[in-house]
Amino acid sequence: VAFSDEGDDARALLYNSNNDGGSAASWSLVGDTNAFLGKHSYIAYTQDIPGKQGALEITWTVIAGREGGILSFAAFASLYAPHDVLEFAVDGVPEVAMTTPSQTWEQKYIEIDPGKHVLKWRLVKNPAGLDADVIQDVAVPDGYQGYAKIDAIMYLDIHVVEVKEEATTTTTTTTSTTTSTSTTTTEEPTTTTTTTTSATTEEPSTTSSDATTTTSTTTEEPTTTTSTTTTTEEPTTTTKPPLPLTAKGCPAGLQPVPGLPNCCIDEPNYLGDGACDPWSPYNTEDCGFDLGDCCYDSCNHDSPYGCNMKEGNEG
């Protein structure tokens, strides 16, 4: 809740104000070229309090929500204790006291507990109740004028947002791939043929001795040796394991790109950097044509390479 700068809403605080001095004098809403916010501020003067002691008050009743709230306001004082002070209280308990002249507007923030509370701003004259002859001996600083101003009064409830934590169960599945290797070696049958032929022929020997003739002939058949060796090994079949996949379905060594489920590249930072990488897979539909870098109309001209280069990442 905030009070507007002017009109009935701004004057609403003044309707319930009480004066502890027996006078009709009170706080006023006046035009102020030095207002903290807008063009008006509330002001009260010590000289308007009759007698040696009294107060001028602004009262506001608020009902804070279940988490309480924060009250804020700005104040400017030309006061000096023990002559006068500006006091702010919640349910009669002082929370803020300004006892010396301000150099500029001061913002104040006060926590308000849940429930109904009465807030009061009080310009108090001679809060200690000193005798006139005593207080007259207390000198005031140069520029002292004996007034207080308040502005930008606002109250806000505190709202606590509850965040529910949801239990998350992560299931990890590990798949082991077993590779079976079968080796088969086939050799053609080996045939070894060894042929040994030995022939001895002796010429007829003729000895003439009393008409006696002797003939000797020896013949050896050829010898053939055949040796056959056959070795048969099963055919060799080698099954290579499948290329391992990353968690996003990209081959090892390539990285997935969020939002582009079919785009797998080795350097995601090349996408959308303002330099067209014209090769595949960057400049493909799956990778958004280098995430717009290769299309002048879709290229981000505020990117590092400003859409003025090709293959800019190589430099």
C-alpha atoms as a PDB file:
ATOM      1  CA  VAL A   1       0.000   0.000   0.000  1.00  0.00           C
ATOM      2  CA  ALA A   2       1.396   3.390  -0.965  1.00  0.00           C
ATOM      3  CA  PHE A   3      -0.054   6.872  -0.558  1.00  0.00           C
ATOM      4  CA  SER A   4      -0.347   8.929  -3.720  1.00  0.00           C
ATOM      5  CA  ASP A   5       1.365  12.272  -4.054  1.00  0.00           C
ATOM      6  CA  GLU A   6      -1.802  14.349  -3.819  1.00  0.00           C
ATOM      7  CA  GLY A   7      -5.586  14.257  -3.535  1.00  0.00           C
ATOM      8  CA  ASP A   8      -7.847  12.540  -1.015  1.00  0.00           C
ATOM      9  CA  ASP A   9      -5.625   9.472  -0.724  1.00  0.00           C
ATOM     10  CA  ALA A  10      -2.682  11.618   0.266  1.00  0.00           C
ATOM     11  CA  ARG A  11      -4.786  13.512   2.827  1.00  0.00           C
ATOM     12  CA  ALA A  12      -6.253  10.318   4.306  1.00  0.00           C
ATOM     13  CA  LEU A  13      -3.412  10.071   6.834  1.00  0.00           C
ATOM     14  CA  LEU A  14      -4.241  13.513   8.167  1.00  0.00           C
ATOM     15  CA  TYR A  15      -7.863  12.650   9.013  1.00  0.00           C
ATOM     16  CA  ASN A  16      -6.889  10.321  11.854  1.00  0.00           C
ATOM     17  CA  SER A  17      -4.025  12.407  13.176  1.00  0.00           C
ATOM     18  CA  ASN A  18      -4.077  13.352  16.864  1.00  0.00           C
ATOM     19  CA  ASN A  19      -2.445  16.329  18.464  1.00  0.00           C
ATOM     20  CA  ASP A  20      -1.019  15.968  21.916  1.00  0.00           C
ATOM     21  CA  GLY A  21      -0.817  19.674  22.504  1.00  0.00           C
ATOM     22  CA  GLY A  22      -4.407  20.775  22.860  1.00  0.00           C
ATOM     23  CA  SER A  23      -4.315  22.687  19.589  1.00  0.00           C
ATOM     24  CA  ALA A  24      -5.885  22.262  16.192  1.00  0.00           C
ATOM     25  CA  ALA A  25      -2.441  22.475  14.646  1.00  0.00           C
ATOM     26  CA  SER A  26      -1.301  19.263  12.945  1.00  0.00           C
ATOM     27  CA  TRP A  27       0.706  17.884  10.078  1.00  0.00           C
ATOM     28  CA  SER A  28       0.003  19.354   6.638  1.00  0.00           C
ATOM     29  CA  LEU A  29       0.327  18.121   3.060  1.00  0.00           C
ATOM     30  CA  VAL A  30       2.124  20.887   1.175  1.00  0.00           C
ATOM     31  CA  GLY A  31       3.671  21.451  -2.216  1.00  0.00           C
ATOM     32  CA  ASP A  32       7.394  20.780  -1.948  1.00  0.00           C
ATOM     33  CA  THR A  33       9.893  21.349  -4.751  1.00  0.00           C
ATOM     34  CA  ASN A  34      12.380  19.310  -2.710  1.00  0.00           C
ATOM     35  CA  ALA A  35       9.998  16.420  -2.030  1.00  0.00           C
ATOM     36  CA  PHE A  36      11.564  12.967  -1.939  1.00  0.00           C
ATOM     37  CA  LEU A  37       8.913  11.603  -4.294  1.00  0.00           C
ATOM     38  CA  GLY A  38       6.555  13.621  -6.455  1.00  0.00           C
ATOM     39  CA  LYS A  39       5.668  17.226  -5.677  1.00  0.00           C
ATOM     40  CA  HIS A  40       4.268  17.078  -2.107  1.00  0.00           C
ATOM     41  CA  SER A  41       5.346  16.045   1.377  1.00  0.00           C
ATOM     42  CA  TYR A  42       3.922  16.011   4.929  1.00  0.00           C
ATOM     43  CA  ILE A  43       5.319  18.683   7.235  1.00  0.00           C
ATOM     44  CA  ALA A  44       4.922  19.756  10.866  1.00  0.00           C
ATOM     45  CA  TYR A  45       6.500  22.648  12.852  1.00  0.00           C
ATOM     46  CA  THR A  46       7.622  22.630  16.464  1.00  0.00           C
ATOM     47  CA  GLN A  47       6.409  26.197  16.953  1.00  0.00           C
ATOM     48  CA  ASP A  48       2.822  25.008  16.300  1.00  0.00           C
ATOM     49  CA  ILE A  49       2.897  22.976  19.522  1.00  0.00           C
ATOM     50  CA  PRO A  50       1.716  25.226  22.402  1.00  0.00           C
ATOM     51  CA  GLY A  51       3.261  25.173  25.848  1.00  0.00           C
ATOM     52  CA  LYS A  52       6.632  23.848  26.860  1.00  0.00           C
ATOM     53  CA  GLN A  53       5.913  20.239  25.811  1.00  0.00           C
ATOM     54  CA  GLY A  54       3.699  18.296  23.354  1.00  0.00           C
ATOM     55  CA  ALA A  55       3.554  16.442  20.030  1.00  0.00           C
ATOM     56  CA  LEU A  56       1.968  16.440  16.597  1.00  0.00           C
ATOM     57  CA  GLU A  57       1.078  12.988  15.238  1.00  0.00           C
ATOM     58  CA  ILE A  58       0.184  11.125  12.072  1.00  0.00           C
ATOM     59  CA  THR A  59      -1.484   7.771  12.756  1.00  0.00           C
ATOM     60  CA  TRP A  60      -1.946   4.850  10.375  1.00  0.00           C
ATOM     61  CA  THR A  61      -3.400   1.425  11.197  1.00  0.00           C
ATOM     62  CA  VAL A  62      -2.216  -1.513   9.085  1.00  0.00           C
ATOM     63  CA  ILE A  63      -3.054  -5.211   9.097  1.00  0.00           C
ATOM     64  CA  ALA A  64      -0.024  -7.250   8.074  1.00  0.00           C
ATOM     65  CA  GLY A  65      -0.337 -10.643   6.403  1.00  0.00           C
ATOM     66  CA  ARG A  66       0.694 -13.963   7.923  1.00  0.00           C
ATOM     67  CA  GLU A  67       4.354 -13.378   6.989  1.00  0.00           C
ATOM     68  CA  GLY A  68       4.368  -9.756   8.168  1.00  0.00           C
ATOM     69  CA  GLY A  69       5.608  -6.918   5.987  1.00  0.00           C
ATOM     70  CA  ILE A  70       7.928  -3.949   5.485  1.00  0.00           C
ATOM     71  CA  LEU A  71       7.056  -0.306   6.115  1.00  0.00           C
ATOM     72  CA  SER A  72       9.204   2.298   4.387  1.00  0.00           C
ATOM     73  CA  PHE A  73       9.235   6.083   4.374  1.00  0.00           C
ATOM     74  CA  ALA A  74      11.575   9.015   3.751  1.00  0.00           C
ATOM     75  CA  ALA A  75      12.205  11.709   6.386  1.00  0.00           C
ATOM     76  CA  PHE A  76      13.932  15.073   6.509  1.00  0.00           C
ATOM     77  CA  ALA A  77      14.383  16.912   9.816  1.00  0.00           C
ATOM     78  CA  SER A  78      15.548  20.357  10.888  1.00  0.00           C
ATOM     79  CA  LEU A  79      15.454  19.422  14.588  1.00  0.00           C
ATOM     80  CA  TYR A  80      17.798  19.316  17.530  1.00  0.00           C
ATOM     81  CA  ALA A  81      17.341  17.445  20.795  1.00  0.00           C
ATOM     82  CA  PRO A  82      16.415  18.210  23.506  1.00  0.00           C
ATOM     83  CA  HIS A  83      14.397  20.955  21.789  1.00  0.00           C
ATOM     84  CA  ASP A  84      12.536  18.578  19.454  1.00  0.00           C
ATOM     85  CA  VAL A  85      12.756  15.130  17.838  1.00  0.00           C
ATOM     86  CA  LEU A  86      10.977  13.136  15.131  1.00  0.00           C
ATOM     87  CA  GLU A  87       9.864   9.754  16.405  1.00  0.00           C
ATOM     88  CA  PHE A  88       8.305   6.765  14.634  1.00  0.00           C
ATOM     89  CA  ALA A  89       6.632   4.071  16.769  1.00  0.00           C
ATOM     90  CA  VAL A  90       4.800   0.773  16.204  1.00  0.00           C
ATOM     91  CA  ASP A  91       2.121   0.077  18.808  1.00  0.00           C
ATOM     92  CA  GLY A  92       3.695   2.725  21.049  1.00  0.00           C
ATOM     93  CA  VAL A  93       7.209   1.247  20.818  1.00  0.00           C
ATOM     94  CA  PRO A  94       9.718   3.693  19.257  1.00  0.00           C
ATOM     95  CA  GLU A  95      11.513   2.293  16.209  1.00  0.00           C
ATOM     96  CA  VAL A  96      13.110   5.417  14.714  1.00  0.00           C
ATOM     97  CA  ALA A  97      14.232   8.721  16.271  1.00  0.00           C
ATOM     98  CA  MET A  98      15.793  11.654  14.414  1.00  0.00           C
ATOM     99  CA  THR A  99      17.434  14.128  16.809  1.00  0.00           C
ATOM    100  CA  THR A 100      19.785  16.206  14.620  1.00  0.00           C
ATOM    101  CA  PRO A 101      19.391  18.191  11.382  1.00  0.00           C
ATOM    102  CA  SER A 102      19.344  16.145   8.160  1.00  0.00           C
ATOM    103  CA  GLN A 103      21.743  16.771   5.331  1.00  0.00           C
ATOM    104  CA  THR A 104      19.449  15.002   2.852  1.00  0.00           C
ATOM    105  CA  TRP A 105      16.359  12.805   2.811  1.00  0.00           C
ATOM    106  CA  GLU A 106      16.813   9.633   4.840  1.00  0.00           C
ATOM    107  CA  GLN A 107      14.999   6.402   3.939  1.00  0.00           C
ATOM    108  CA  LYS A 108      13.789   4.164   6.767  1.00  0.00           C
ATOM    109  CA  TYR A 109      12.706   0.497   6.621  1.00  0.00           C
ATOM    110  CA  ILE A 110      10.871  -1.194   9.509  1.00  0.00           C
ATOM    111  CA  GLU A 111       9.760  -4.830   9.730  1.00  0.00           C
ATOM    112  CA  ILE A 112       6.123  -5.222  10.750  1.00  0.00           C
ATOM    113  CA  ASP A 113       4.927  -8.411  12.458  1.00  0.00           C
ATOM    114  CA  PRO A 114       1.781 -10.215  11.270  1.00  0.00           C
ATOM    115  CA  GLY A 115      -1.525  -8.796  12.510  1.00  0.00           C
ATOM    116  CA  LYS A 116      -2.997  -5.384  13.261  1.00  0.00           C
ATOM    117  CA  HIS A 117      -0.657  -2.536  14.245  1.00  0.00           C
ATOM    118  CA  VAL A 118      -0.908   1.207  14.926  1.00  0.00           C
ATOM    119  CA  LEU A 119       1.893   3.240  13.315  1.00  0.00           C
ATOM    120  CA  LYS A 120       2.673   6.770  14.509  1.00  0.00           C
ATOM    121  CA  TRP A 121       4.960   9.557  13.322  1.00  0.00           C
ATOM    122  CA  ARG A 122       5.373  12.159  16.121  1.00  0.00           C
ATOM    123  CA  LEU A 123       7.067  15.537  16.096  1.00  0.00           C
ATOM    124  CA  VAL A 124       7.796  15.871  19.816  1.00  0.00           C
ATOM    125  CA  LYS A 125       8.584  19.192  21.512  1.00  0.00           C
ATOM    126  CA  ASN A 126      10.855  19.049  24.587  1.00  0.00           C
ATOM    127  CA  PRO A 127      10.591  15.232  24.921  1.00  0.00           C
ATOM    128  CA  ALA A 128      12.516  15.296  28.223  1.00  0.00           C
ATOM    129  CA  GLY A 129      10.154  17.853  29.775  1.00  0.00           C
ATOM    130  CA  LEU A 130      12.945  20.267  30.731  1.00  0.00           C
ATOM    131  CA  ASP A 131      12.187  23.632  32.323  1.00  0.00           C
ATOM    132  CA  ALA A 132      12.120  26.582  29.968  1.00  0.00           C
ATOM    133  CA  ASP A 133      15.192  28.215  31.503  1.00  0.00           C
ATOM    134  CA  VAL A 134      17.165  24.994  31.102  1.00  0.00           C
ATOM    135  CA  ILE A 135      16.223  24.288  27.513  1.00  0.00           C
ATOM    136  CA  GLN A 136      16.898  27.880  26.522  1.00  0.00           C
ATOM    137  CA  ASP A 137      20.527  27.351  27.469  1.00  0.00           C
ATOM    138  CA  VAL A 138      20.889  24.549  24.873  1.00  0.00           C
ATOM    139  CA  ALA A 139      22.162  26.205  21.708  1.00  0.00           C
ATOM    140  CA  VAL A 140      20.865  25.002  18.320  1.00  0.00           C
ATOM    141  CA  PRO A 141      23.069  24.546  15.230  1.00  0.00           C
ATOM    142  CA  ASP A 142      23.157  27.024  12.374  1.00  0.00           C
ATOM    143  CA  GLY A 143      20.272  26.580   9.978  1.00  0.00           C
ATOM    144  CA  TYR A 144      17.962  25.031  12.587  1.00  0.00           C
ATOM    145  CA  GLN A 145      14.311  25.717  11.730  1.00  0.00           C
ATOM    146  CA  GLY A 146      12.309  23.361  13.951  1.00  0.00           C
ATOM    147  CA  TYR A 147      10.332  21.225  11.507  1.00  0.00           C
ATOM    148  CA  ALA A 148      10.092  17.661  10.198  1.00  0.00           C
ATOM    149  CA  LYS A 149       8.992  16.270   6.815  1.00  0.00           C
ATOM    150  CA  ILE A 150       7.982  12.767   5.787  1.00  0.00           C
ATOM    151  CA  ASP A 151       7.263  11.426   2.312  1.00  0.00           C
ATOM    152  CA  ALA A 152       6.908   8.223   0.211  1.00  0.00           C
ATOM    153  CA  ILE A 153       5.085   6.200   2.892  1.00  0.00           C
ATOM    154  CA  MET A 154       4.632   2.603   1.720  1.00  0.00           C
ATOM    155  CA  TYR A 155       3.751  -0.768   3.246  1.00  0.00           C
ATOM    156  CA  LEU A 156       4.276  -4.120   1.507  1.00  0.00           C
ATOM    157  CA  ASP A 157       3.308  -7.575   2.723  1.00  0.00           C
ATOM    158  CA  ILE A 158       5.985 -10.245   2.647  1.00  0.00           C
ATOM    159  CA  HIS A 159       5.043 -13.179   0.451  1.00  0.00           C
ATOM    160  CA  VAL A 160       6.931 -16.429   0.881  1.00  0.00           C
ATOM    161  CA  VAL A 161       6.947 -18.708  -2.111  1.00  0.00           C
ATOM    162  CA  GLU A 162       7.075 -22.357  -1.130  1.00  0.00           C
ATOM    163  CA  VAL A 163       9.150 -24.529  -3.377  1.00  0.00           C
ATOM    164  CA  LYS A 164       8.353 -28.223  -3.232  1.00  0.00           C
ATOM    165  CA  GLU A 165      11.238 -30.546  -3.701  1.00  0.00           C
ATOM    166  CA  GLU A 166      10.452 -33.538  -5.839  1.00  0.00           C
ATOM    167  CA  ALA A 167      12.341 -36.757  -5.413  1.00  0.00           C
ATOM    168  CA  THR A 168      14.248 -37.647  -8.520  1.00  0.00           C
ATOM    169  CA  THR A 169      15.193 -41.222  -9.296  1.00  0.00           C
ATOM    170  CA  THR A 170      17.963 -41.737 -11.770  1.00  0.00           C
ATOM    171  CA  THR A 171      18.313 -45.125 -13.409  1.00  0.00           C
ATOM    172  CA  THR A 172      21.617 -45.903 -15.039  1.00  0.00           C
ATOM    173  CA  THR A 173      21.782 -48.804 -17.474  1.00  0.00           C
ATOM    174  CA  THR A 174      25.153 -50.165 -18.501  1.00  0.00           C
ATOM    175  CA  THR A 175      25.260 -52.373 -21.573  1.00  0.00           C
ATOM    176  CA  SER A 176      28.234 -54.641 -22.091  1.00  0.00           C
ATOM    177  CA  THR A 177      28.980 -55.732 -25.630  1.00  0.00           C
ATOM    178  CA  THR A 178      30.635 -59.146 -26.044  1.00  0.00           C
ATOM    179  CA  THR A 179      32.570 -59.658 -29.252  1.00  0.00           C
ATOM    180  CA  SER A 180      33.055 -63.182 -30.483  1.00  0.00           C
ATOM    181  CA  THR A 181      35.982 -63.751 -32.830  1.00  0.00           C
ATOM    182  CA  SER A 182      36.105 -66.928 -34.864  1.00  0.00           C
ATOM    183  CA  THR A 183      39.233 -67.629 -36.937  1.00  0.00           C
ATOM    184  CA  THR A 184      39.052 -70.060 -39.811  1.00  0.00           C
ATOM    185  CA  THR A 185      42.033 -70.789 -42.017  1.00  0.00           C
ATOM    186  CA  THR A 186      41.600 -72.761 -45.177  1.00  0.00           C
ATOM    187  CA  GLU A 187      44.603 -74.141 -47.005  1.00  0.00           C
ATOM    188  CA  GLU A 188      44.406 -75.905 -50.282  1.00  0.00           C
ATOM    189  CA  PRO A 189      45.306 -79.601 -50.155  1.00  0.00           C
ATOM    190  CA  THR A 190      48.987 -80.131 -50.660  1.00  0.00           C
ATOM    191  CA  THR A 191      49.999 -82.983 -52.910  1.00  0.00           C
ATOM    192  CA  THR A 192      53.598 -84.106 -53.032  1.00  0.00           C
ATOM    193  CA  THR A 193      54.559 -86.542 -55.692  1.00  0.00           C
ATOM    194  CA  THR A 194      57.937 -88.160 -55.593  1.00  0.00           C
ATOM    195  CA  THR A 195      58.894 -90.299 -58.512  1.00  0.00           C
ATOM    196  CA  THR A 196      62.060 -92.303 -58.425  1.00  0.00           C
ATOM    197  CA  THR A 197      63.024 -94.244 -61.454  1.00  0.00           C
ATOM    198  CA  SER A 198      66.060 -96.490 -61.394  1.00  0.00           C
ATOM    199  CA  ALA A 199      66.994 -98.415 -64.459  1.00  0.00           C
ATOM    200  CA  THR A 200      70.084-100.417 -64.874  1.00  0.00           C
ATOM    201  CA  THR A 201      70.850-101.925 -68.172  1.00  0.00           C
ATOM    202  CA  GLU A 202      73.782-104.012 -68.741  1.00  0.00           C
ATOM    203  CA  GLU A 203      74.955-104.669 -72.185  1.00  0.00           C
ATOM    204  CA  PRO A 204      75.083-108.244 -73.091  1.00  0.00           C
ATOM    205  CA  SER A 205      78.437-109.650 -72.208  1.00  0.00           C
ATOM    206  CA  THR A 206      79.777-112.018 -74.682  1.00  0.00           C
ATOM    207  CA  THR A 207      82.643-114.221 -73.913  1.00  0.00           C
ATOM    208  CA  SER A 208      83.788-116.478 -76.572  1.00  0.00           C
ATOM    209  CA  SER A 209      85.316-119.402 -75.074  1.00  0.00           C
ATOM    210  CA  ASP A 210      84.648-122.541 -76.675  1.00  0.00           C
ATOM    211  CA  ALA A 211      81.445-121.185 -78.158  1.00  0.00           C
ATOM    212  CA  THR A 212      79.929-120.248 -74.791  1.00  0.00           C
ATOM    213  CA  THR A 213      77.646-117.088 -74.646  1.00  0.00           C
ATOM    214  CA  THR A 214      76.346-115.522 -71.368  1.00  0.00           C
ATOM    215  CA  THR A 215      73.688-112.699 -71.346  1.00  0.00           C
ATOM    216  CA  SER A 216      72.549-110.884 -68.108  1.00  0.00           C
ATOM    217  CA  THR A 217      69.773-108.234 -68.086  1.00  0.00           C
ATOM    218  CA  THR A 218      68.401-106.482 -64.945  1.00  0.00           C
ATOM    219  CA  THR A 219      65.379-104.075 -65.080  1.00  0.00           C
ATOM    220  CA  GLU A 220      63.898-102.160 -62.089  1.00  0.00           C
ATOM    221  CA  GLU A 221      60.362-100.783 -62.311  1.00  0.00           C
ATOM    222  CA  PRO A 222      59.893 -97.042 -61.613  1.00  0.00           C
ATOM    223  CA  THR A 223      59.045 -96.203 -57.977  1.00  0.00           C
ATOM    224  CA  THR A 224      56.330 -93.620 -57.395  1.00  0.00           C
ATOM    225  CA  THR A 225      55.665 -92.116 -53.926  1.00  0.00           C
ATOM    226  CA  THR A 226      52.644 -89.853 -53.473  1.00  0.00           C
ATOM    227  CA  SER A 227      52.256 -87.785 -50.241  1.00  0.00           C
ATOM    228  CA  THR A 228      49.130 -85.696 -49.733  1.00  0.00           C
ATOM    229  CA  THR A 229      48.730 -83.296 -46.751  1.00  0.00           C
ATOM    230  CA  THR A 230      45.417 -81.467 -46.261  1.00  0.00           C
ATOM    231  CA  THR A 231      44.864 -78.858 -43.524  1.00  0.00           C
ATOM    232  CA  THR A 232      41.493 -77.225 -43.205  1.00  0.00           C
ATOM    233  CA  GLU A 233      40.776 -74.266 -40.827  1.00  0.00           C
ATOM    234  CA  GLU A 234      37.408 -72.645 -40.292  1.00  0.00           C
ATOM    235  CA  PRO A 235      36.896 -69.275 -42.081  1.00  0.00           C
ATOM    236  CA  THR A 236      37.978 -66.218 -40.046  1.00  0.00           C
ATOM    237  CA  THR A 237      35.082 -63.898 -39.116  1.00  0.00           C
ATOM    238  CA  THR A 238      35.856 -60.736 -37.134  1.00  0.00           C
ATOM    239  CA  THR A 239      32.938 -58.784 -35.731  1.00  0.00           C
ATOM    240  CA  LYS A 240      33.810 -55.212 -34.726  1.00  0.00           C
ATOM    241  CA  PRO A 241      32.005 -53.722 -31.717  1.00  0.00           C
ATOM    242  CA  PRO A 242      29.530 -50.946 -32.452  1.00  0.00           C
ATOM    243  CA  LEU A 243      30.798 -47.364 -32.118  1.00  0.00           C
ATOM    244  CA  PRO A 244      30.075 -46.280 -28.527  1.00  0.00           C
ATOM    245  CA  LEU A 245      27.376 -43.673 -28.103  1.00  0.00           C
ATOM    246  CA  THR A 246      27.241 -40.738 -25.732  1.00  0.00           C
ATOM    247  CA  ALA A 247      24.335 -40.158 -23.366  1.00  0.00           C
ATOM    248  CA  LYS A 248      22.614 -38.025 -26.017  1.00  0.00           C
ATOM    249  CA  GLY A 249      23.082 -40.557 -28.836  1.00  0.00           C
ATOM    250  CA  CYS A 250      26.156 -38.887 -30.400  1.00  0.00           C
ATOM    251  CA  PRO A 251      29.210 -40.951 -31.411  1.00  0.00           C
ATOM    252  CA  ALA A 252      32.235 -40.771 -29.131  1.00  0.00           C
ATOM    253  CA  GLY A 253      34.258 -37.625 -29.733  1.00  0.00           C
ATOM    254  CA  LEU A 254      31.196 -35.613 -30.769  1.00  0.00           C
ATOM    255  CA  GLN A 255      28.976 -33.589 -28.477  1.00  0.00           C
ATOM    256  CA  PRO A 256      25.203 -33.101 -28.540  1.00  0.00           C
ATOM    257  CA  VAL A 257      23.672 -29.639 -28.932  1.00  0.00           C
ATOM    258  CA  PRO A 258      20.746 -28.711 -26.635  1.00  0.00           C
ATOM    259  CA  GLY A 259      17.605 -28.116 -28.682  1.00  0.00           C
ATOM    260  CA  LEU A 260      19.090 -29.786 -31.795  1.00  0.00           C
ATOM    261  CA  PRO A 261      18.621 -33.519 -31.099  1.00  0.00           C
ATOM    262  CA  ASN A 262      20.194 -34.673 -34.389  1.00  0.00           C
ATOM    263  CA  CYS A 263      23.192 -32.309 -34.280  1.00  0.00           C
ATOM    264  CA  CYS A 264      26.462 -33.951 -33.143  1.00  0.00           C
ATOM    265  CA  ILE A 265      29.628 -31.854 -33.482  1.00  0.00           C
ATOM    266  CA  ASP A 266      33.082 -31.654 -31.972  1.00  0.00           C
ATOM    267  CA  GLU A 267      32.920 -27.988 -30.948  1.00  0.00           C
ATOM    268  CA  PRO A 268      29.475 -26.624 -29.880  1.00  0.00           C
ATOM    269  CA  ASN A 269      30.975 -23.135 -29.317  1.00  0.00           C
ATOM    270  CA  TYR A 270      31.289 -22.752 -33.103  1.00  0.00           C
ATOM    271  CA  LEU A 271      27.495 -22.609 -33.392  1.00  0.00           C
ATOM    272  CA  GLY A 272      25.983 -19.116 -33.333  1.00  0.00           C
ATOM    273  CA  ASP A 273      29.322 -17.281 -32.972  1.00  0.00           C
ATOM    274  CA  GLY A 274      28.763 -15.097 -36.038  1.00  0.00           C
ATOM    275  CA  ALA A 275      31.260 -16.929 -38.289  1.00  0.00           C
ATOM    276  CA  CYS A 276      29.873 -19.363 -40.851  1.00  0.00           C
ATOM    277  CA  ASP A 277      31.471 -22.815 -40.635  1.00  0.00           C
ATOM    278  CA  PRO A 278      30.496 -24.066 -44.103  1.00  0.00           C
ATOM    279  CA  TRP A 279      31.382 -27.708 -43.685  1.00  0.00           C
ATOM    280  CA  SER A 280      29.244 -30.610 -42.468  1.00  0.00           C
ATOM    281  CA  PRO A 281      27.788 -31.212 -39.985  1.00  0.00           C
ATOM    282  CA  TYR A 282      27.783 -27.524 -38.927  1.00  0.00           C
ATOM    283  CA  ASN A 283      26.165 -26.093 -42.088  1.00  0.00           C
ATOM    284  CA  THR A 284      23.317 -28.626 -42.186  1.00  0.00           C
ATOM    285  CA  GLU A 285      19.629 -28.498 -41.383  1.00  0.00           C
ATOM    286  CA  ASP A 286      20.202 -30.733 -38.323  1.00  0.00           C
ATOM    287  CA  CYS A 287      22.574 -28.108 -36.882  1.00  0.00           C
ATOM    288  CA  GLY A 288      20.423 -25.131 -37.895  1.00  0.00           C
ATOM    289  CA  PHE A 289      22.883 -24.119 -40.627  1.00  0.00           C
ATOM    290  CA  ASP A 290      25.586 -23.327 -38.083  1.00  0.00           C
ATOM    291  CA  LEU A 291      22.801 -22.016 -35.782  1.00  0.00           C
ATOM    292  CA  GLY A 292      22.038 -19.201 -38.230  1.00  0.00           C
ATOM    293  CA  ASP A 293      25.677 -18.180 -38.889  1.00  0.00           C
ATOM    294  CA  CYS A 294      25.528 -19.320 -42.524  1.00  0.00           C
ATOM    295  CA  CYS A 295      22.322 -17.368 -43.266  1.00  0.00           C
ATOM    296  CA  TYR A 296      22.814 -13.620 -43.242  1.00  0.00           C
ATOM    297  CA  ASP A 297      19.206 -12.853 -42.283  1.00  0.00           C
ATOM    298  CA  SER A 298      19.280 -15.209 -39.276  1.00  0.00           C
ATOM    299  CA  CYS A 299      22.856 -14.556 -38.145  1.00  0.00           C
ATOM    300  CA  ASN A 300      23.252 -12.803 -34.789  1.00  0.00           C
ATOM    301  CA  HIS A 301      25.094  -9.582 -35.641  1.00  0.00           C
ATOM    302  CA  ASP A 302      25.929  -9.028 -31.964  1.00  0.00           C
ATOM    303  CA  SER A 303      27.852 -12.320 -31.828  1.00  0.00           C
ATOM    304  CA  PRO A 304      31.680 -12.459 -31.393  1.00  0.00           C
ATOM    305  CA  TYR A 305      32.421 -12.533 -35.147  1.00  0.00           C
ATOM    306  CA  GLY A 306      29.569 -10.199 -36.123  1.00  0.00           C
ATOM    307  CA  CYS A 307      28.461 -12.279 -39.143  1.00  0.00           C
ATOM    308  CA  ASN A 308      31.392 -10.884 -41.166  1.00  0.00           C
ATOM    309  CA  MET A 309      33.572 -14.011 -41.411  1.00  0.00           C
ATOM    310  CA  LYS A 310      33.645 -17.551 -42.591  1.00  0.00           C
ATOM    311  CA  GLU A 311      35.615 -20.168 -40.725  1.00  0.00           C
ATOM    312  CA  GLY A 312      36.346 -17.466 -38.154  1.00  0.00           C
ATOM    313  CA  ASN A 313      36.952 -20.021 -35.478  1.00  0.00           C
ATOM    314  CA  GLU A 314      40.149 -21.148 -37.123  1.00  0.00           C
ATOM    315  CA  GLY A 315      41.873 -17.854 -36.356  1.00  0.00           C
END
